[in-house]
């Protein structure tokens, strides 16, 4: 009989402590989602003809950069309706990235190139990196470090006329 009373007292104590923990004021609690404040914005300038859709992609490695957006870590499409376009990536993880954008003028969902591989549609990458020889810019030249918070990365479009 003594054992049962002790077990009951222990259960009541645990229940009381548990209820105190669950009813702590919200001000005392730690932010449950710190990533909600991580907003990475690409601000693309140099749009000559505001029409079509812009593809925006974040790459975390060289593989696929800058042309193969399907291999990007994150990607989005936005309407082109002015001289400047913004692409927003919410809840972005911390680390190194390179961004790539292009305007899909003909609406086929990809960056069109000519016979030697030069883009036929406007494009750009972070750090406004350019290739040193033939071919696309390198990931290492376009890479930037994202450390959290609200950050805007400028990109200027290139027209290979």
Foldseek 3Di string as FASTA:
>chain_A
DVVVVVVVVVVVVVVVVVVVVVPPDPVPDDPPQQLQQFKEKEKEAADPDQFAKKKKAKAQDQVPPPFNRVNGPDIDIDHRHDRIDMDMDGSDDWFKIKMKMWGPPPPPPGFDADPVRHTQTKMWMFVRAADPDDDGGTGVNRMDTDDGGYYYTYIYIDHPD
